[in-house]
């Protein structure tokens, strides 16, 4: 069985990206190169405000989706734990609180 050209291309790009990440980790850019890159990015943002805004909105939307997915996952886990009975549910807390002895409240006679 041979892989399709798209799969081969994706695998090649993945491998190359991983190699580049490893190389970057071993060879970080110099402060001068960082400053030069920051200036280049700043110039691009000034020249292309619409594209920059689109990129930012896409980034925010992607992160918003990821955060919502994480929240849904946490809620699903909480429901699973509550269904197991391994965690005290709201009803259990009410019964335990009702079973606690209440302190006596002494009232002073009003007429004296």
PDB file of N, CA and C in Angstrom:
ATOM      1  N   UNK A   1       0.838  -1.180   0.000  1.00  0.00           N
ATOM      2  CA  UNK A   1       0.000   0.000   0.000  1.00  0.00           C
ATOM      3  C   UNK A   1       0.886   1.248   0.000  1.00  0.00           C
ATOM      4  N   UNK A   2       0.638   2.139  -0.923  1.00  0.00           N
ATOM      5  CA  UNK A   2       1.419   3.368  -0.985  1.00  0.00           C
ATOM      6  C   UNK A   2       0.575   4.530  -0.456  1.00  0.00           C
ATOM      7  N   UNK A   3       1.257   5.475   0.101  1.00  0.00           N
ATOM      8  CA  UNK A   3       0.555   6.645   0.626  1.00  0.00           C
ATOM      9  C   UNK A   3       0.264   7.610  -0.508  1.00  0.00           C
ATOM     10  N   UNK A   4      -0.777   8.376  -0.362  1.00  0.00           N
ATOM     11  CA  UNK A   4      -1.083   9.382  -1.374  1.00  0.00           C
ATOM     12  C   UNK A   4      -0.046  10.496  -1.291  1.00  0.00           C
ATOM     13  N   UNK A   5       0.057  11.272  -2.337  1.00  0.00           N
ATOM     14  CA  UNK A   5       1.048  12.350  -2.360  1.00  0.00           C
ATOM     15  C   UNK A   5       0.756  13.398  -1.290  1.00  0.00           C
ATOM     16  N   UNK A   6      -0.518  13.648  -0.984  1.00  0.00           N
ATOM     17  CA  UNK A   6      -0.855  14.615   0.063  1.00  0.00           C
ATOM     18  C   UNK A   6      -0.348  14.141   1.417  1.00  0.00           C
ATOM     19  N   UNK A   7      -0.526  12.861   1.711  1.00  0.00           N
ATOM     20  CA  UNK A   7      -0.064  12.321   2.990  1.00  0.00           C
ATOM     21  C   UNK A   7       1.455  12.381   3.076  1.00  0.00           C
ATOM     22  N   UNK A   8       2.130  12.048   1.966  1.00  0.00           N
ATOM     23  CA  UNK A   8       3.593  12.109   1.941  1.00  0.00           C
ATOM     24  C   UNK A   8       4.074  13.541   2.154  1.00  0.00           C
ATOM     25  N   UNK A   9       3.406  14.480   1.506  1.00  0.00           N
ATOM     26  CA  UNK A   9       3.773  15.895   1.638  1.00  0.00           C
ATOM     27  C   UNK A   9       3.573  16.368   3.082  1.00  0.00           C
ATOM     28  N   UNK A  10       2.463  15.999   3.683  1.00  0.00           N
ATOM     29  CA  UNK A  10       2.182  16.384   5.070  1.00  0.00           C
ATOM     30  C   UNK A  10       3.215  15.780   6.014  1.00  0.00           C
ATOM     31  N   UNK A  11       3.574  14.517   5.793  1.00  0.00           N
ATOM     32  CA  UNK A  11       4.572  13.869   6.635  1.00  0.00           C
ATOM     33  C   UNK A  11       5.932  14.537   6.486  1.00  0.00           C
ATOM     34  N   UNK A  12       6.296  14.890   5.250  1.00  0.00           N
ATOM     35  CA  UNK A  12       7.571  15.563   5.004  1.00  0.00           C
ATOM     36  C   UNK A  12       7.612  16.915   5.712  1.00  0.00           C
ATOM     37  N   UNK A  13       6.538  17.666   5.604  1.00  0.00           N
ATOM     38  CA  UNK A  13       6.484  18.974   6.254  1.00  0.00           C
ATOM     39  C   UNK A  13       6.552  18.843   7.775  1.00  0.00           C
ATOM     40  N   UNK A  14       5.889  17.839   8.308  1.00  0.00           N
ATOM     41  CA  UNK A  14       5.911  17.609   9.754  1.00  0.00           C
ATOM     42  C   UNK A  14       7.323  17.300  10.232  1.00  0.00           C
ATOM     43  N   UNK A  15       8.007  16.428   9.515  1.00  0.00           N
ATOM     44  CA  UNK A  15       9.381  16.076   9.881  1.00  0.00           C
ATOM     45  C   UNK A  15      10.304  17.285   9.791  1.00  0.00           C
ATOM     46  N   UNK A  16      10.167  18.058   8.719  1.00  0.00           N
ATOM     47  CA  UNK A  16      11.011  19.239   8.555  1.00  0.00           C
ATOM     48  C   UNK A  16      10.750  20.263   9.651  1.00  0.00           C
ATOM     49  N   UNK A  17       9.489  20.444  10.021  1.00  0.00           N
ATOM     50  CA  UNK A  17       9.142  21.398  11.074  1.00  0.00           C
ATOM     51  C   UNK A  17       9.738  20.955  12.407  1.00  0.00           C
ATOM     52  N   UNK A  18       9.698  19.664  12.684  1.00  0.00           N
ATOM     53  CA  UNK A  18      10.272  19.154  13.931  1.00  0.00           C
ATOM     54  C   UNK A  18      11.784  19.360  13.952  1.00  0.00           C
ATOM     55  N   UNK A  19      12.434  19.105  12.824  1.00  0.00           N
ATOM     56  CA  UNK A  19      13.885  19.334  12.736  1.00  0.00           C
ATOM     57  C   UNK A  19      14.214  20.806  12.967  1.00  0.00           C
ATOM     58  N   UNK A  20      13.406  21.692  12.384  1.00  0.00           N
ATOM     59  CA  UNK A  20      13.636  23.127  12.547  1.00  0.00           C
ATOM     60  C   UNK A  20      13.443  23.545  14.000  1.00  0.00           C
ATOM     61  N   UNK A  21      12.419  22.995  14.666  1.00  0.00           N
ATOM     62  CA  UNK A  21      12.216  23.314  16.088  1.00  0.00           C
ATOM     63  C   UNK A  21      13.403  22.872  16.924  1.00  0.00           C
ATOM     64  N   UNK A  22      13.918  21.683  16.652  1.00  0.00           N
ATOM     65  CA  UNK A  22      15.084  21.195  17.393  1.00  0.00           C
ATOM     66  C   UNK A  22      16.299  22.073  17.128  1.00  0.00           C
ATOM     67  N   UNK A  23      16.490  22.469  15.863  1.00  0.00           N
ATOM     68  CA  UNK A  23      17.635  23.307  15.521  1.00  0.00           C
ATOM     69  C   UNK A  23      17.505  24.662  16.202  1.00  0.00           C
ATOM     70  N   UNK A  24      16.288  25.241  16.196  1.00  0.00           N
ATOM     71  CA  UNK A  24      16.062  26.538  16.851  1.00  0.00           C
ATOM     72  C   UNK A  24      16.323  26.462  18.356  1.00  0.00           C
ATOM     73  N   UNK A  25      15.967  25.330  18.966  1.00  0.00           N
ATOM     74  CA  UNK A  25      16.198  25.175  20.404  1.00  0.00           C
ATOM     75  C   UNK A  25      17.696  25.189  20.705  1.00  0.00           C
ATOM     76  N   UNK A  26      18.489  24.625  19.805  1.00  0.00           N
ATOM     77  CA  UNK A  26      19.943  24.585  20.011  1.00  0.00           C
ATOM     78  C   UNK A  26      20.613  25.887  19.584  1.00  0.00           C
ATOM     79  N   UNK A  27      20.004  26.619  18.670  1.00  0.00           N
ATOM     80  CA  UNK A  27      20.591  27.846  18.113  1.00  0.00           C
ATOM     81  C   UNK A  27      19.620  29.012  18.205  1.00  0.00           C
ATOM     82  N   UNK A  28      19.422  29.555  19.393  1.00  0.00           N
ATOM     83  CA  UNK A  28      18.468  30.659  19.523  1.00  0.00           C
ATOM     84  C   UNK A  28      18.985  31.910  18.802  1.00  0.00           C
ATOM     85  N   UNK A  29      18.071  32.766  18.343  1.00  0.00           N
ATOM     86  CA  UNK A  29      18.504  33.981  17.644  1.00  0.00           C
ATOM     87  C   UNK A  29      19.187  34.962  18.600  1.00  0.00           C
ATOM     88  N   UNK A  30      20.106  35.739  18.039  1.00  0.00           N
ATOM     89  CA  UNK A  30      20.814  36.740  18.834  1.00  0.00           C
ATOM     90  C   UNK A  30      19.875  37.897  19.146  1.00  0.00           C
ATOM     91  N   UNK A  31      20.196  38.711  20.154  1.00  0.00           N
ATOM     92  CA  UNK A  31      19.352  39.874  20.459  1.00  0.00           C
ATOM     93  C   UNK A  31      19.199  40.813  19.263  1.00  0.00           C
ATOM     94  N   UNK A  32      20.268  40.964  18.463  1.00  0.00           N
ATOM     95  CA  UNK A  32      20.186  41.837  17.289  1.00  0.00           C
ATOM     96  C   UNK A  32      19.178  41.275  16.275  1.00  0.00           C
ATOM     97  N   UNK A  33      19.231  39.950  16.089  1.00  0.00           N
ATOM     98  CA  UNK A  33      18.318  39.325  15.134  1.00  0.00           C
ATOM     99  C   UNK A  33      16.871  39.416  15.633  1.00  0.00           C
ATOM    100  N   UNK A  34      16.675  39.270  16.949  1.00  0.00           N
ATOM    101  CA  UNK A  34      15.329  39.404  17.513  1.00  0.00           C
ATOM    102  C   UNK A  34      14.790  40.817  17.286  1.00  0.00           C
ATOM    103  N   UNK A  35      15.639  41.821  17.521  1.00  0.00           N
ATOM    104  CA  UNK A  35      15.214  43.206  17.342  1.00  0.00           C
ATOM    105  C   UNK A  35      14.891  43.485  15.881  1.00  0.00           C
ATOM    106  N   UNK A  36      15.701  42.944  14.982  1.00  0.00           N
ATOM    107  CA  UNK A  36      15.469  43.139  13.556  1.00  0.00           C
ATOM    108  C   UNK A  36      14.141  42.512  13.131  1.00  0.00           C
ATOM    109  N   UNK A  37      13.875  41.318  13.631  1.00  0.00           N
ATOM    110  CA  UNK A  37      12.618  40.629  13.315  1.00  0.00           C
ATOM    111  C   UNK A  37      11.423  41.389  13.895  1.00  0.00           C
ATOM    112  N   UNK A  38      11.555  41.894  15.115  1.00  0.00           N
ATOM    113  CA  UNK A  38      10.468  42.655  15.742  1.00  0.00           C
ATOM    114  C   UNK A  38      10.166  43.909  14.928  1.00  0.00           C
ATOM    115  N   UNK A  39      11.194  44.576  14.443  1.00  0.00           N
ATOM    116  CA  UNK A  39      11.002  45.777  13.632  1.00  0.00           C
ATOM    117  C   UNK A  39      10.315  45.427  12.307  1.00  0.00           C
ATOM    118  N   UNK A  40      10.707  44.314  11.695  1.00  0.00           N
ATOM    119  CA  UNK A  40      10.106  43.870  10.446  1.00  0.00           C
ATOM    120  C   UNK A  40       8.616  43.586  10.653  1.00  0.00           C
ATOM    121  N   UNK A  41       8.272  42.916  11.753  1.00  0.00           N
ATOM    122  CA  UNK A  41       6.877  42.597  12.062  1.00  0.00           C
ATOM    123  C   UNK A  41       6.080  43.876  12.300  1.00  0.00           C
ATOM    124  N   UNK A  42       6.672  44.817  13.020  1.00  0.00           N
ATOM    125  CA  UNK A  42       5.991  46.083  13.301  1.00  0.00           C
ATOM    126  C   UNK A  42       5.685  46.830  12.000  1.00  0.00           C
ATOM    127  N   UNK A  43       6.638  46.829  11.083  1.00  0.00           N
ATOM    128  CA  UNK A  43       6.430  47.486   9.795  1.00  0.00           C
ATOM    129  C   UNK A  43       5.308  46.805   9.008  1.00  0.00           C
ATOM    130  N   UNK A  44       5.287  45.468   9.037  1.00  0.00           N
ATOM    131  CA  UNK A  44       4.248  44.726   8.325  1.00  0.00           C
ATOM    132  C   UNK A  44       2.877  45.043   8.906  1.00  0.00           C
ATOM    133  N   UNK A  45       2.790  45.121  10.233  1.00  0.00           N
ATOM    134  CA  UNK A  45       1.507  45.431  10.873  1.00  0.00           C
ATOM    135  C   UNK A  45       0.999  46.810  10.458  1.00  0.00           C
ATOM    136  N   UNK A  46       1.925  47.772  10.381  1.00  0.00           N
ATOM    137  CA  UNK A  46       1.531  49.112   9.958  1.00  0.00           C
ATOM    138  C   UNK A  46       1.058  49.117   8.515  1.00  0.00           C
ATOM    139  N   UNK A  47       1.726  48.353   7.667  1.00  0.00           N
ATOM    140  CA  UNK A  47       1.408  48.330   6.241  1.00  0.00           C
ATOM    141  C   UNK A  47       0.138  47.524   5.942  1.00  0.00           C
ATOM    142  N   UNK A  48      -0.197  46.541   6.776  1.00  0.00           N
ATOM    143  CA  UNK A  48      -1.328  45.639   6.518  1.00  0.00           C
ATOM    144  C   UNK A  48      -2.252  45.529   7.727  1.00  0.00           C
ATOM    145  N   UNK A  49      -2.894  46.609   8.130  1.00  0.00           N
ATOM    146  CA  UNK A  49      -3.729  46.538   9.344  1.00  0.00           C
ATOM    147  C   UNK A  49      -4.919  45.586   9.204  1.00  0.00           C
ATOM    148  N   UNK A  50      -5.499  45.483   7.990  1.00  0.00           N
ATOM    149  CA  UNK A  50      -6.656  44.605   7.811  1.00  0.00           C
ATOM    150  C   UNK A  50      -6.254  43.142   7.964  1.00  0.00           C
ATOM    151  N   UNK A  51      -5.154  42.772   7.324  1.00  0.00           N
ATOM    152  CA  UNK A  51      -4.686  41.381   7.423  1.00  0.00           C
ATOM    153  C   UNK A  51      -4.298  41.045   8.862  1.00  0.00           C
ATOM    154  N   UNK A  52      -3.655  42.007   9.527  1.00  0.00           N
ATOM    155  CA  UNK A  52      -3.250  41.782  10.920  1.00  0.00           C
ATOM    156  C   UNK A  52      -4.486  41.577  11.797  1.00  0.00           C
ATOM    157  N   UNK A  53      -5.527  42.399  11.592  1.00  0.00           N
ATOM    158  CA  UNK A  53      -6.757  42.271  12.371  1.00  0.00           C
ATOM    159  C   UNK A  53      -7.415  40.923  12.115  1.00  0.00           C
ATOM    160  N   UNK A  54      -7.419  40.472  10.864  1.00  0.00           N
ATOM    161  CA  UNK A  54      -7.977  39.163  10.529  1.00  0.00           C
ATOM    162  C   UNK A  54      -7.217  38.047  11.239  1.00  0.00           C
ATOM    163  N   UNK A  55      -5.892  38.147  11.226  1.00  0.00           N
ATOM    164  CA  UNK A  55      -5.076  37.131  11.898  1.00  0.00           C
ATOM    165  C   UNK A  55      -5.356  37.094  13.391  1.00  0.00           C
ATOM    166  N   UNK A  56      -5.446  38.273  13.999  1.00  0.00           N
ATOM    167  CA  UNK A  56      -5.719  38.337  15.432  1.00  0.00           C
ATOM    168  C   UNK A  56      -7.090  37.750  15.755  1.00  0.00           C
ATOM    169  N   UNK A  57      -8.094  38.094  14.957  1.00  0.00           N
ATOM    170  CA  UNK A  57      -9.439  37.574  15.203  1.00  0.00           C
ATOM    171  C   UNK A  57      -9.465  36.050  15.051  1.00  0.00           C
ATOM    172  N   UNK A  58      -8.752  35.540  14.042  1.00  0.00           N
ATOM    173  CA  UNK A  58      -8.693  34.085  13.850  1.00  0.00           C
ATOM    174  C   UNK A  58      -8.006  33.429  15.041  1.00  0.00           C
ATOM    175  N   UNK A  59      -6.941  34.054  15.544  1.00  0.00           N
ATOM    176  CA  UNK A  59      -6.211  33.506  16.691  1.00  0.00           C
ATOM    177  C   UNK A  59      -7.109  33.493  17.928  1.00  0.00           C
ATOM    178  N   UNK A  60      -7.823  34.599  18.159  1.00  0.00           N
ATOM    179  CA  UNK A  60      -8.729  34.659  19.304  1.00  0.00           C
ATOM    180  C   UNK A  60      -9.830  33.612  19.194  1.00  0.00           C
ATOM    181  N   UNK A  61     -10.386  33.457  18.000  1.00  0.00           N
ATOM    182  CA  UNK A  61     -11.457  32.481  17.794  1.00  0.00           C
ATOM    183  C   UNK A  61     -10.955  31.067  18.057  1.00  0.00           C
ATOM    184  N   UNK A  62      -9.745  30.758  17.583  1.00  0.00           N
ATOM    185  CA  UNK A  62      -9.181  29.424  17.793  1.00  0.00           C
ATOM    186  C   UNK A  62      -8.986  29.158  19.287  1.00  0.00           C
ATOM    187  N   UNK A  63      -8.447  30.136  19.990  1.00  0.00           N
ATOM    188  CA  UNK A  63      -8.235  29.956  21.424  1.00  0.00           C
ATOM    189  C   UNK A  63      -9.548  29.902  22.191  1.00  0.00           C
ATOM    190  N   UNK A  64     -10.529  30.670  21.740  1.00  0.00           N
ATOM    191  CA  UNK A  64     -11.847  30.636  22.373  1.00  0.00           C
ATOM    192  C   UNK A  64     -12.453  29.249  22.233  1.00  0.00           C
ATOM    193  N   UNK A  65     -12.335  28.661  21.035  1.00  0.00           N
ATOM    194  CA  UNK A  65     -12.856  27.307  20.807  1.00  0.00           C
ATOM    195  C   UNK A  65     -12.140  26.299  21.701  1.00  0.00           C
ATOM    196  N   UNK A  66     -10.817  26.436  21.820  1.00  0.00           N
ATOM    197  CA  UNK A  66     -10.049  25.514  22.657  1.00  0.00           C
ATOM    198  C   UNK A  66     -10.476  25.635  24.122  1.00  0.00           C
ATOM    199  N   UNK A  67     -10.666  26.864  24.582  1.00  0.00           N
ATOM    200  CA  UNK A  67     -11.077  27.083  25.967  1.00  0.00           C
ATOM    201  C   UNK A  67     -12.470  26.515  26.224  1.00  0.00           C
ATOM    202  N   UNK A  68     -13.384  26.720  25.287  1.00  0.00           N
ATOM    203  CA  UNK A  68     -14.733  26.160  25.443  1.00  0.00           C
ATOM    204  C   UNK A  68     -14.695  24.642  25.471  1.00  0.00           C
ATOM    205  N   UNK A  69     -13.863  24.047  24.641  1.00  0.00           N
ATOM    206  CA  UNK A  69     -13.737  22.589  24.623  1.00  0.00           C
ATOM    207  C   UNK A  69     -13.190  22.089  25.955  1.00  0.00           C
ATOM    208  N   UNK A  70     -12.218  22.815  26.512  1.00  0.00           N
ATOM    209  CA  UNK A  70     -11.670  22.418  27.810  1.00  0.00           C
ATOM    210  C   UNK A  70     -12.739  22.522  28.895  1.00  0.00           C
ATOM    211  N   UNK A  71     -13.526  23.593  28.865  1.00  0.00           N
ATOM    212  CA  UNK A  71     -14.589  23.753  29.863  1.00  0.00           C
ATOM    213  C   UNK A  71     -15.605  22.627  29.758  1.00  0.00           C
ATOM    214  N   UNK A  72     -15.979  22.282  28.506  1.00  0.00           N
ATOM    215  CA  UNK A  72     -16.937  21.187  28.321  1.00  0.00           C
ATOM    216  C   UNK A  72     -16.367  19.881  28.863  1.00  0.00           C
ATOM    217  N   UNK A  73     -15.090  19.657  28.622  1.00  0.00           N
ATOM    218  CA  UNK A  73     -14.447  18.437  29.112  1.00  0.00           C
ATOM    219  C   UNK A  73     -14.437  18.381  30.629  1.00  0.00           C
ATOM    220  N   UNK A  74     -14.113  19.518  31.262  1.00  0.00           N
ATOM    221  CA  UNK A  74     -14.103  19.556  32.732  1.00  0.00           C
ATOM    222  C   UNK A  74     -15.505  19.328  33.290  1.00  0.00           C
ATOM    223  N   UNK A  75     -16.513  19.932  32.655  1.00  0.00           N
ATOM    224  CA  UNK A  75     -17.896  19.746  33.110  1.00  0.00           C
ATOM    225  C   UNK A  75     -18.311  18.290  32.951  1.00  0.00           C
ATOM    226  N   UNK A  76     -17.897  17.677  31.844  1.00  0.00           N
ATOM    227  CA  UNK A  76     -18.232  16.268  31.612  1.00  0.00           C
ATOM    228  C   UNK A  76     -17.588  15.395  32.687  1.00  0.00           C
ATOM    229  N   UNK A  77     -16.353  15.709  33.051  1.00  0.00           N
ATOM    230  CA  UNK A  77     -15.677  14.928  34.095  1.00  0.00           C
ATOM    231  C   UNK A  77     -16.382  15.101  35.433  1.00  0.00           C
ATOM    232  N   UNK A  78     -16.791  16.356  35.736  1.00  0.00           N
ATOM    233  CA  UNK A  78     -17.498  16.595  37.003  1.00  0.00           C
ATOM    234  C   UNK A  78     -18.791  15.799  37.057  1.00  0.00           C
ATOM    235  N   UNK A  79     -19.534  15.801  35.953  1.00  0.00           N
ATOM    236  CA  UNK A  79     -20.788  15.046  35.927  1.00  0.00           C
ATOM    237  C   UNK A  79     -20.519  13.556  36.106  1.00  0.00           C
ATOM    238  N   UNK A  80     -19.448  13.055  35.490  1.00  0.00           N
ATOM    239  CA  UNK A  80     -19.119  11.634  35.608  1.00  0.00           C
ATOM    240  C   UNK A  80     -18.769  11.291  37.047  1.00  0.00           C
ATOM    241  N   UNK A  81     -18.047  12.161  37.716  1.00  0.00           N
ATOM    242  CA  UNK A  81     -17.676  11.906  39.109  1.00  0.00           C
ATOM    243  C   UNK A  81     -18.912  11.936  39.991  1.00  0.00           C
ATOM    244  N   UNK A  82     -19.800  12.881  39.739  1.00  0.00           N
ATOM    245  CA  UNK A  82     -21.020  12.963  40.547  1.00  0.00           C
ATOM    246  C   UNK A  82     -21.916  11.750  40.306  1.00  0.00           C
ATOM    247  N   UNK A  83     -21.984  11.276  39.080  1.00  0.00           N
ATOM    248  CA  UNK A  83     -22.799  10.109  38.770  1.00  0.00           C
ATOM    249  C   UNK A  83     -22.251   8.850  39.417  1.00  0.00           C
ATOM    250  N   UNK A  84     -20.938   8.779  39.589  1.00  0.00           N
ATOM    251  CA  UNK A  84     -20.313   7.624  40.243  1.00  0.00           C
ATOM    252  C   UNK A  84     -20.725   7.520  41.701  1.00  0.00           C
ATOM    253  N   UNK A  85     -21.052   8.645  42.286  1.00  0.00           N
ATOM    254  CA  UNK A  85     -21.364   8.649  43.709  1.00  0.00           C
ATOM    255  C   UNK A  85     -20.110   8.814  44.547  1.00  0.00           C
ATOM    256  N   UNK A  86     -18.973   8.994  43.880  1.00  0.00           N
ATOM    257  CA  UNK A  86     -17.724   9.135  44.620  1.00  0.00           C
ATOM    258  C   UNK A  86     -17.542  10.547  45.143  1.00  0.00           C
ATOM    259  N   UNK A  87     -18.389  11.446  44.735  1.00  0.00           N
ATOM    260  CA  UNK A  87     -18.312  12.819  45.199  1.00  0.00           C
ATOM    261  C   UNK A  87     -19.648  13.177  45.824  1.00  0.00           C
ATOM    262  N   UNK A  88     -19.606  14.016  46.816  1.00  0.00           N
ATOM    263  CA  UNK A  88     -20.847  14.415  47.473  1.00  0.00           C
ATOM    264  C   UNK A  88     -21.620  15.350  46.562  1.00  0.00           C
ATOM    265  N   UNK A  89     -22.858  15.031  46.308  1.00  0.00           N
ATOM    266  CA  UNK A  89     -23.688  15.904  45.476  1.00  0.00           C
ATOM    267  C   UNK A  89     -24.355  16.931  46.384  1.00  0.00           C
ATOM    268  N   UNK A  90     -25.102  17.815  45.790  1.00  0.00           N
ATOM    269  CA  UNK A  90     -25.759  18.875  46.549  1.00  0.00           C
ATOM    270  C   UNK A  90     -26.719  18.284  47.582  1.00  0.00           C
ATOM    271  N   UNK A  91     -27.475  17.268  47.202  1.00  0.00           N
ATOM    272  CA  UNK A  91     -28.432  16.659  48.122  1.00  0.00           C
ATOM    273  C   UNK A  91     -27.725  16.043  49.326  1.00  0.00           C
ATOM    274  N   UNK A  92     -26.576  15.398  49.094  1.00  0.00           N
ATOM    275  CA  UNK A  92     -25.833  14.804  50.201  1.00  0.00           C
ATOM    276  C   UNK A  92     -25.375  15.869  51.184  1.00  0.00           C
ATOM    277  N   UNK A  93     -24.954  17.005  50.669  1.00  0.00           N
ATOM    278  CA  UNK A  93     -24.487  18.071  51.559  1.00  0.00           C
ATOM    279  C   UNK A  93     -25.630  18.586  52.417  1.00  0.00           C
ATOM    280  N   UNK A  94     -26.811  18.691  51.841  1.00  0.00           N
ATOM    281  CA  UNK A  94     -27.945  19.183  52.618  1.00  0.00           C
ATOM    282  C   UNK A  94     -28.260  18.240  53.767  1.00  0.00           C
ATOM    283  N   UNK A  95     -28.207  16.934  53.514  1.00  0.00           N
ATOM    284  CA  UNK A  95     -28.542  15.995  54.577  1.00  0.00           C
ATOM    285  C   UNK A  95     -27.469  15.992  55.656  1.00  0.00           C
ATOM    286  N   UNK A  96     -26.218  16.146  55.272  1.00  0.00           N
ATOM    287  CA  UNK A  96     -25.178  16.165  56.296  1.00  0.00           C
ATOM    288  C   UNK A  96     -25.272  17.434  57.120  1.00  0.00           C
ATOM    289  N   UNK A  97     -25.648  18.554  56.481  1.00  0.00           N
ATOM    290  CA  UNK A  97     -25.777  19.789  57.234  1.00  0.00           C
ATOM    291  C   UNK A  97     -26.987  19.720  58.169  1.00  0.00           C
ATOM    292  N   UNK A  98     -28.050  19.080  57.719  1.00  0.00           N
ATOM    293  CA  UNK A  98     -29.239  18.982  58.555  1.00  0.00           C
ATOM    294  C   UNK A  98     -28.975  18.078  59.745  1.00  0.00           C
ATOM    295  N   UNK A  99     -28.085  17.128  59.619  1.00  0.00           N
ATOM    296  CA  UNK A  99     -27.796  16.195  60.704  1.00  0.00           C
ATOM    297  C   UNK A  99     -26.881  16.766  61.767  1.00  0.00           C
ATOM    298  N   UNK A 100     -26.298  17.914  61.477  1.00  0.00           N
ATOM    299  CA  UNK A 100     -25.399  18.518  62.470  1.00  0.00           C
ATOM    300  C   UNK A 100     -26.202  19.073  63.639  1.00  0.00           C
ATOM    301  N   UNK A 101     -25.661  18.942  64.841  1.00  0.00           N
ATOM    302  CA  UNK A 101     -26.372  19.523  65.982  1.00  0.00           C
ATOM    303  C   UNK A 101     -26.313  21.047  65.914  1.00  0.00           C
ATOM    304  N   UNK A 102     -27.421  21.656  66.163  1.00  0.00           N
ATOM    305  CA  UNK A 102     -27.491  23.108  66.147  1.00  0.00           C
ATOM    306  C   UNK A 102     -27.208  23.633  67.543  1.00  0.00           C
ATOM    307  N   UNK A 103     -26.502  24.734  67.611  1.00  0.00           N
ATOM    308  CA  UNK A 103     -26.237  25.355  68.917  1.00  0.00           C
ATOM    309  C   UNK A 103     -27.535  25.899  69.494  1.00  0.00           C
ATOM    310  N   UNK A 104     -27.661  25.833  70.791  1.00  0.00           N
ATOM    311  CA  UNK A 104     -28.906  26.315  71.396  1.00  0.00           C
ATOM    312  C   UNK A 104     -28.871  27.838  71.445  1.00  0.00           C
ATOM    313  N   UNK A 105     -29.993  28.424  71.129  1.00  0.00           N
ATOM    314  CA  UNK A 105     -30.098  29.880  71.173  1.00  0.00           C
ATOM    315  C   UNK A 105     -30.988  30.205  72.366  1.00  0.00           C
ATOM    316  N   UNK A 106     -30.392  30.883  73.302  1.00  0.00           N
ATOM    317  CA  UNK A 106     -31.162  31.240  74.503  1.00  0.00           C
ATOM    318  C   UNK A 106     -31.720  32.652  74.315  1.00  0.00           C
ATOM    319  N   UNK A 107     -33.000  32.778  74.652  1.00  0.00           N
ATOM    320  CA  UNK A 107     -33.616  34.097  74.542  1.00  0.00           C
ATOM    321  C   UNK A 107     -33.820  34.652  75.939  1.00  0.00           C
ATOM    322  N   UNK A 108     -33.590  35.921  76.004  1.00  0.00           N
ATOM    323  CA  UNK A 108     -33.835  36.600  77.280  1.00  0.00           C
ATOM    324  C   UNK A 108     -35.324  36.916  77.395  1.00  0.00           C
ATOM    325  N   UNK A 109     -35.862  36.836  78.568  1.00  0.00           N
ATOM    326  CA  UNK A 109     -37.279  37.190  78.715  1.00  0.00           C
ATOM    327  C   UNK A 109     -37.487  38.661  78.324  1.00  0.00           C
ATOM    328  N   UNK A 110     -38.531  38.892  77.565  1.00  0.00           N
ATOM    329  CA  UNK A 110     -38.759  40.233  77.048  1.00  0.00           C
ATOM    330  C   UNK A 110     -39.335  41.186  78.104  1.00  0.00           C
ATOM    331  N   UNK A 111     -40.145  40.666  78.960  1.00  0.00           N
ATOM    332  CA  UNK A 111     -40.832  41.544  79.916  1.00  0.00           C
ATOM    333  C   UNK A 111     -39.967  41.930  81.096  1.00  0.00           C
ATOM    334  N   UNK A 112     -38.907  41.267  81.394  1.00  0.00           N
ATOM    335  CA  UNK A 112     -38.158  41.541  82.619  1.00  0.00           C
ATOM    336  C   UNK A 112     -37.099  42.543  82.468  1.00  0.00           C
TER     337      UNK A 112
END
